[in-house]
Amino acid sequence: MLTLSVRKMELAKAWDRCREAQAEDAALTGEVLSVNRGGLLVECEKLRGFVPQSHIGIRTLNREELVGQQLPFKFIEVDEEKNRLVLSHRLATDMVSAEGLEVGDVVEGMGQAVKP
């Protein structure tokens, strides 16, 4: 007798897509599900993942405003055995904001720190 689980097959495909995106350094879109002290809980490729506070690229006083939004994420850690998915919004937005820039281009921005 052969028992098939569609859900298990979909989860296996989702983990494969996440691993491929991490290997290719590609960004995927996910939805912010909730906010906690340490960061954000998001759903990406039908998997739940965590975005540490230090990897949230949007500076806002009320992070609750992010719940329900679709945002780009890059993968920091993809571990199917430990059921661990750690993502970064900051890395994905840095990639998007740097696209189309050439040497000598002038951009406007605000410095956050000056280090020796």
N, C-alpha and C. Protein backbone atom coordinates (compact mmCIF):
# COMPACT_ATOMS: atom_id res chain seq x y z
N MET A 1 0.84 -1.17 0.00
CA MET A 1 0.00 0.00 0.00
C MET A 1 0.89 1.25 0.00
N LEU A 2 0.52 2.24 -0.79
CA LEU A 2 1.28 3.47 -0.93
C LEU A 2 0.43 4.63 -0.43
N THR A 3 0.96 5.37 0.53
CA THR A 3 0.25 6.51 1.08
C THR A 3 0.98 7.77 0.66
N LEU A 4 0.27 8.67 0.02
CA LEU A 4 0.84 9.93 -0.43
C LEU A 4 0.24 11.08 0.36
N SER A 5 1.04 12.04 0.65
CA SER A 5 0.57 13.22 1.35
C SER A 5 0.89 14.44 0.49
N VAL A 6 -0.15 15.09 0.01
CA VAL A 6 0.04 16.28 -0.82
C VAL A 6 0.73 17.37 -0.01
N ARG A 7 0.35 17.51 1.24
CA ARG A 7 0.95 18.55 2.10
C ARG A 7 2.45 18.33 2.26
N LYS A 8 2.86 17.06 2.48
CA LYS A 8 4.29 16.77 2.63
C LYS A 8 5.05 17.06 1.35
N MET A 9 4.43 16.76 0.21
CA MET A 9 5.07 17.04 -1.07
C MET A 9 5.21 18.54 -1.30
N GLU A 10 4.17 19.30 -0.96
CA GLU A 10 4.23 20.76 -1.10
C GLU A 10 5.29 21.35 -0.18
N LEU A 11 5.38 20.84 1.05
CA LEU A 11 6.40 21.33 1.99
C LEU A 11 7.80 21.02 1.48
N ALA A 12 8.00 19.82 0.93
CA ALA A 12 9.31 19.45 0.40
C ALA A 12 9.70 20.38 -0.75
N LYS A 13 8.74 20.70 -1.63
CA LYS A 13 9.01 21.62 -2.74
C LYS A 13 9.33 23.02 -2.21
N ALA A 14 8.61 23.45 -1.19
CA ALA A 14 8.84 24.77 -0.61
C ALA A 14 10.24 24.86 -0.02
N TRP A 15 10.67 23.83 0.72
CA TRP A 15 12.03 23.82 1.28
C TRP A 15 13.06 23.85 0.15
N ASP A 16 12.81 23.12 -0.94
CA ASP A 16 13.73 23.12 -2.09
C ASP A 16 13.83 24.51 -2.71
N ARG A 17 12.68 25.19 -2.88
CA ARG A 17 12.70 26.54 -3.45
C ARG A 17 13.46 27.51 -2.54
N CYS A 18 13.31 27.35 -1.24
CA CYS A 18 14.03 28.22 -0.30
C CYS A 18 15.53 27.97 -0.36
N ARG A 19 15.93 26.69 -0.43
CA ARG A 19 17.36 26.37 -0.55
C ARG A 19 17.93 26.93 -1.85
N GLU A 20 17.18 26.81 -2.95
CA GLU A 20 17.64 27.34 -4.24
C GLU A 20 17.79 28.85 -4.17
N ALA A 21 16.81 29.53 -3.57
CA ALA A 21 16.88 30.99 -3.45
C ALA A 21 18.07 31.41 -2.61
N GLN A 22 18.37 30.65 -1.55
CA GLN A 22 19.53 30.97 -0.72
C GLN A 22 20.81 30.77 -1.52
N ALA A 23 20.90 29.69 -2.28
CA ALA A 23 22.10 29.40 -3.06
C ALA A 23 22.31 30.46 -4.15
N GLU A 24 21.22 30.94 -4.74
CA GLU A 24 21.30 31.94 -5.81
C GLU A 24 21.34 33.36 -5.26
N ASP A 25 21.24 33.52 -3.94
CA ASP A 25 21.19 34.83 -3.29
C ASP A 25 20.02 35.66 -3.83
N ALA A 26 18.90 34.99 -4.06
CA ALA A 26 17.71 35.64 -4.61
C ALA A 26 16.76 36.04 -3.50
N ALA A 27 15.96 37.06 -3.77
CA ALA A 27 14.96 37.51 -2.82
C ALA A 27 13.59 36.96 -3.22
N LEU A 28 12.82 36.53 -2.22
CA LEU A 28 11.45 36.07 -2.43
C LEU A 28 10.52 36.94 -1.58
N THR A 29 9.28 37.01 -1.99
CA THR A 29 8.30 37.82 -1.27
C THR A 29 7.57 36.97 -0.23
N GLY A 30 7.33 37.57 0.94
CA GLY A 30 6.61 36.90 2.00
C GLY A 30 5.70 37.87 2.71
N GLU A 31 4.78 37.33 3.49
CA GLU A 31 3.83 38.16 4.23
C GLU A 31 4.17 38.16 5.71
N VAL A 32 4.14 39.33 6.31
CA VAL A 32 4.39 39.47 7.75
C VAL A 32 3.14 38.99 8.49
N LEU A 33 3.31 37.98 9.34
CA LEU A 33 2.18 37.41 10.09
C LEU A 33 2.00 38.05 11.45
N SER A 34 3.12 38.28 12.15
CA SER A 34 3.03 38.87 13.48
C SER A 34 4.38 39.48 13.87
N VAL A 35 4.33 40.21 14.97
CA VAL A 35 5.52 40.89 15.50
C VAL A 35 5.74 40.40 16.92
N ASN A 36 7.02 40.17 17.28
CA ASN A 36 7.33 39.86 18.68
C ASN A 36 8.56 40.65 19.10
N ARG A 37 9.01 40.47 20.33
CA ARG A 37 10.14 41.24 20.85
C ARG A 37 11.39 41.10 19.99
N GLY A 38 11.61 39.90 19.46
CA GLY A 38 12.85 39.63 18.74
C GLY A 38 12.83 39.97 17.27
N GLY A 39 11.64 40.16 16.69
CA GLY A 39 11.59 40.45 15.27
C GLY A 39 10.21 40.19 14.69
N LEU A 40 10.19 39.59 13.49
CA LEU A 40 8.94 39.35 12.77
C LEU A 40 8.76 37.87 12.48
N LEU A 41 7.53 37.41 12.50
CA LEU A 41 7.19 36.06 12.05
C LEU A 41 6.55 36.25 10.67
N VAL A 42 7.11 35.59 9.64
CA VAL A 42 6.64 35.77 8.28
C VAL A 42 6.32 34.42 7.64
N GLU A 43 5.52 34.47 6.58
CA GLU A 43 5.25 33.27 5.79
C GLU A 43 5.83 33.51 4.40
N CYS A 44 6.72 32.62 4.01
CA CYS A 44 7.39 32.72 2.72
C CYS A 44 7.38 31.33 2.10
N GLU A 45 6.84 31.19 0.89
CA GLU A 45 6.75 29.89 0.22
C GLU A 45 5.97 28.88 1.07
N LYS A 46 4.92 29.33 1.74
CA LYS A 46 4.06 28.49 2.59
C LYS A 46 4.78 27.93 3.81
N LEU A 47 5.94 28.50 4.15
CA LEU A 47 6.69 28.12 5.35
C LEU A 47 6.76 29.32 6.27
N ARG A 48 6.75 29.05 7.56
CA ARG A 48 6.91 30.14 8.53
C ARG A 48 8.38 30.35 8.82
N GLY A 49 8.77 31.61 8.83
CA GLY A 49 10.15 31.96 9.10
C GLY A 49 10.23 33.13 10.05
N PHE A 50 11.45 33.40 10.50
CA PHE A 50 11.70 34.46 11.48
C PHE A 50 12.66 35.48 10.88
N VAL A 51 12.35 36.75 11.09
CA VAL A 51 13.23 37.84 10.68
C VAL A 51 13.69 38.54 11.96
N PRO A 52 15.00 38.42 12.32
CA PRO A 52 15.48 39.11 13.53
C PRO A 52 15.30 40.62 13.40
N GLN A 53 15.12 41.28 14.52
CA GLN A 53 14.91 42.72 14.53
C GLN A 53 16.03 43.46 13.80
N SER A 54 17.26 42.97 13.92
CA SER A 54 18.39 43.63 13.27
C SER A 54 18.35 43.49 11.75
N HIS A 55 17.49 42.62 11.23
CA HIS A 55 17.40 42.42 9.78
C HIS A 55 16.09 42.96 9.20
N ILE A 56 15.41 43.82 9.95
CA ILE A 56 14.23 44.50 9.42
C ILE A 56 14.71 45.79 8.78
N GLY A 57 14.47 45.94 7.49
CA GLY A 57 14.99 47.08 6.75
C GLY A 57 14.14 48.33 6.85
N ILE A 58 12.97 48.24 7.46
CA ILE A 58 12.08 49.40 7.57
C ILE A 58 12.16 49.93 8.99
N ARG A 59 12.51 51.19 9.13
CA ARG A 59 12.55 51.82 10.45
C ARG A 59 11.19 52.44 10.72
N THR A 60 10.46 51.90 11.68
CA THR A 60 9.16 52.43 12.04
C THR A 60 9.00 52.34 13.56
N LEU A 61 8.28 53.29 14.11
CA LEU A 61 8.05 53.27 15.55
C LEU A 61 7.11 52.16 15.95
N ASN A 62 6.11 51.89 15.11
CA ASN A 62 5.13 50.85 15.42
C ASN A 62 5.29 49.72 14.40
N ARG A 63 5.98 48.66 14.80
CA ARG A 63 6.21 47.54 13.87
C ARG A 63 4.93 46.78 13.58
N GLU A 64 3.88 46.98 14.37
CA GLU A 64 2.59 46.33 14.13
C GLU A 64 2.03 46.74 12.76
N GLU A 65 2.46 47.90 12.25
CA GLU A 65 2.00 48.36 10.94
C GLU A 65 2.46 47.43 9.82
N LEU A 66 3.50 46.65 10.07
CA LEU A 66 4.04 45.76 9.05
C LEU A 66 3.21 44.49 8.88
N VAL A 67 2.37 44.15 9.87
CA VAL A 67 1.57 42.93 9.80
C VAL A 67 0.63 43.00 8.60
N GLY A 68 0.66 41.93 7.79
CA GLY A 68 -0.17 41.86 6.60
C GLY A 68 0.50 42.36 5.33
N GLN A 69 1.64 43.02 5.46
CA GLN A 69 2.34 43.54 4.28
C GLN A 69 3.15 42.46 3.59
N GLN A 70 3.25 42.55 2.28
CA GLN A 70 4.10 41.69 1.47
C GLN A 70 5.45 42.40 1.33
N LEU A 71 6.53 41.75 1.75
CA LEU A 71 7.87 42.34 1.70
C LEU A 71 8.85 41.36 1.07
N PRO A 72 9.94 41.87 0.47
CA PRO A 72 10.97 40.98 -0.06
C PRO A 72 11.90 40.51 1.06
N PHE A 73 12.34 39.25 0.96
CA PHE A 73 13.25 38.68 1.96
C PHE A 73 14.33 37.86 1.27
N LYS A 74 15.50 37.85 1.87
CA LYS A 74 16.57 36.93 1.48
C LYS A 74 16.75 35.95 2.62
N PHE A 75 17.31 34.80 2.30
CA PHE A 75 17.45 33.74 3.29
C PHE A 75 18.82 33.78 3.95
N ILE A 76 18.82 33.76 5.28
CA ILE A 76 20.06 33.69 6.06
C ILE A 76 20.35 32.23 6.41
N GLU A 77 19.30 31.53 6.86
CA GLU A 77 19.46 30.13 7.25
C GLU A 77 18.25 29.33 6.79
N VAL A 78 18.52 28.21 6.11
CA VAL A 78 17.47 27.29 5.66
C VAL A 78 17.87 25.91 6.15
N ASP A 79 17.17 25.41 7.17
CA ASP A 79 17.49 24.11 7.75
C ASP A 79 16.20 23.31 7.93
N GLU A 80 15.95 22.42 6.97
CA GLU A 80 14.70 21.64 7.01
C GLU A 80 14.68 20.68 8.19
N GLU A 81 15.83 20.10 8.55
CA GLU A 81 15.87 19.13 9.65
C GLU A 81 15.46 19.76 10.97
N LYS A 82 15.90 21.00 11.22
CA LYS A 82 15.55 21.70 12.46
C LYS A 82 14.29 22.54 12.29
N ASN A 83 13.69 22.49 11.09
CA ASN A 83 12.51 23.29 10.78
C ASN A 83 12.78 24.77 11.06
N ARG A 84 13.93 25.24 10.58
CA ARG A 84 14.37 26.60 10.88
C ARG A 84 14.55 27.38 9.58
N LEU A 85 13.88 28.53 9.52
CA LEU A 85 13.95 29.42 8.38
C LEU A 85 14.18 30.83 8.91
N VAL A 86 15.36 31.37 8.67
CA VAL A 86 15.70 32.71 9.14
C VAL A 86 15.92 33.58 7.91
N LEU A 87 15.23 34.71 7.89
CA LEU A 87 15.25 35.58 6.72
C LEU A 87 15.74 36.98 7.06
N SER A 88 16.04 37.76 6.01
CA SER A 88 16.47 39.14 6.20
C SER A 88 15.77 40.05 5.21
N HIS A 89 15.08 41.04 5.72
CA HIS A 89 14.47 42.05 4.85
C HIS A 89 15.53 43.08 4.47
N ARG A 90 16.43 43.38 5.39
CA ARG A 90 17.47 44.38 5.14
C ARG A 90 18.35 44.00 3.95
N LEU A 91 18.78 42.73 3.89
CA LEU A 91 19.62 42.28 2.78
C LEU A 91 18.87 42.36 1.45
N ALA A 92 17.58 42.06 1.46
CA ALA A 92 16.79 42.12 0.22
C ALA A 92 16.60 43.55 -0.24
N THR A 93 16.37 44.49 0.68
CA THR A 93 16.17 45.88 0.27
C THR A 93 17.48 46.53 -0.12
N ASP A 94 18.60 46.14 0.49
CA ASP A 94 19.89 46.67 0.07
C ASP A 94 20.17 46.27 -1.37
N MET A 95 19.81 45.03 -1.74
CA MET A 95 20.01 44.56 -3.10
C MET A 95 19.16 45.37 -4.07
N VAL A 96 17.90 45.61 -3.72
CA VAL A 96 16.98 46.33 -4.59
C VAL A 96 17.42 47.78 -4.74
N SER A 97 17.85 48.41 -3.64
CA SER A 97 18.21 49.82 -3.70
C SER A 97 19.52 50.05 -4.45
N ALA A 98 20.38 49.04 -4.54
CA ALA A 98 21.65 49.19 -5.23
C ALA A 98 21.55 48.89 -6.73
N GLU A 99 20.44 48.32 -7.18
CA GLU A 99 20.28 48.01 -8.60
C GLU A 99 20.26 49.30 -9.40
N GLY A 100 20.94 49.29 -10.53
CA GLY A 100 20.93 50.43 -11.43
C GLY A 100 21.94 51.51 -11.09
N LEU A 101 22.70 51.33 -10.02
CA LEU A 101 23.71 52.32 -9.67
C LEU A 101 25.01 52.03 -10.41
N GLU A 102 25.65 53.10 -10.85
CA GLU A 102 26.93 53.00 -11.55
C GLU A 102 27.97 53.79 -10.75
N VAL A 103 29.22 53.52 -11.02
CA VAL A 103 30.30 54.26 -10.38
C VAL A 103 30.18 55.72 -10.79
N GLY A 104 30.22 56.62 -9.81
CA GLY A 104 30.12 58.05 -10.06
C GLY A 104 28.71 58.61 -9.90
N ASP A 105 27.70 57.74 -9.72
CA ASP A 105 26.33 58.22 -9.51
C ASP A 105 26.24 58.94 -8.17
N VAL A 106 25.41 59.96 -8.13
CA VAL A 106 25.18 60.72 -6.90
C VAL A 106 23.81 60.33 -6.37
N VAL A 107 23.77 59.92 -5.10
CA VAL A 107 22.51 59.57 -4.45
C VAL A 107 22.35 60.38 -3.18
N GLU A 108 21.10 60.54 -2.77
CA GLU A 108 20.82 61.30 -1.56
C GLU A 108 20.42 60.33 -0.47
N GLY A 109 20.88 60.56 0.75
CA GLY A 109 20.55 59.67 1.86
C GLY A 109 20.96 60.27 3.18
N MET A 110 20.78 59.49 4.24
CA MET A 110 21.12 59.96 5.56
C MET A 110 22.10 58.97 6.19
N GLY A 111 23.22 59.45 6.67
CA GLY A 111 24.20 58.59 7.34
C GLY A 111 23.72 58.24 8.73
N GLN A 112 23.95 56.97 9.13
CA GLN A 112 23.53 56.55 10.45
C GLN A 112 24.70 56.46 11.42
N ALA A 113 25.90 56.27 10.89
CA ALA A 113 27.07 56.17 11.77
C ALA A 113 28.32 56.48 10.96
N VAL A 114 29.30 57.05 11.63
CA VAL A 114 30.61 57.27 11.03
C VAL A 114 31.61 56.55 11.92
N LYS A 115 32.33 55.61 11.32
CA LYS A 115 33.29 54.80 12.09
C LYS A 115 34.68 54.97 11.51
N PRO A 116 35.68 54.92 12.38
CA PRO A 116 37.04 55.09 11.88
C PRO A 116 37.51 53.92 11.04
